[in-house]
Amino acid sequence: MQIELFNEDFKGILLNLGDEILFKGKPRPNARLVRQYSLDNVAQKIALEIKKDFPSKDESIIRDDVRGVIRWNTEDEDIVEAMEKMGYKDVDVDFWWNYFWDEEKTIIKKWVMINEITPKYKLGEQVSFTYRREDFQGEVTNIDTEYAQYTIFIPSKGHVKEGVGTHGTIYDFEEVER
């Protein structure tokens, strides 16, 4: 069963009843969880693309083949080789990762919503935090509530306020708020 949310920030996000179990009170979903959670959706989308080049193949067989390949392979070369061994020649895998990226964005939105994640800091506020054993001081220049991320202007990293250059680094809320 699915419910569709019509909240101002998250219009149109579909939540399965199992999503709350998966995400409630848990840390931000990592790439491995995203891959496991979205494998069937991604495999279906990829199968539809491949079907265009292999019209005589059954779509469900293509989907199962794709699911098996992406479950066990993470490098493009390995995926291409595995697909070729199954008879799929000249498969373009460059776009496959875009499907996972789209799924990851949806999953992060669900995680944010289910856990009611809100920013601790306000726009323009000065923050001090440690990231990967390095201390930083900076200013919050953007808050992305959809994905629970801050953009932090950090002068010591060479960030610039105007003109050409890096204007800030994006950090997850939990990386800054520890």
Foldseek 3Di string as FASTA:
>chain_A
DWDADPDPQRHGQIDDPCLLVVQAPDPQDDLVNLCVVCLQVLLLVLLVVLCVVVVVDDSVVSSVQLSVLVVPDDDPVSSQVSVVVVPRHPRDCPCSVVVSVVSSLSSLLSNCVSHVDDAPDDAQDWAWAADPNDIFIFGFHDADSSNQKTWTQTVVVVADCDDDDHPGDIDHRVRRVD
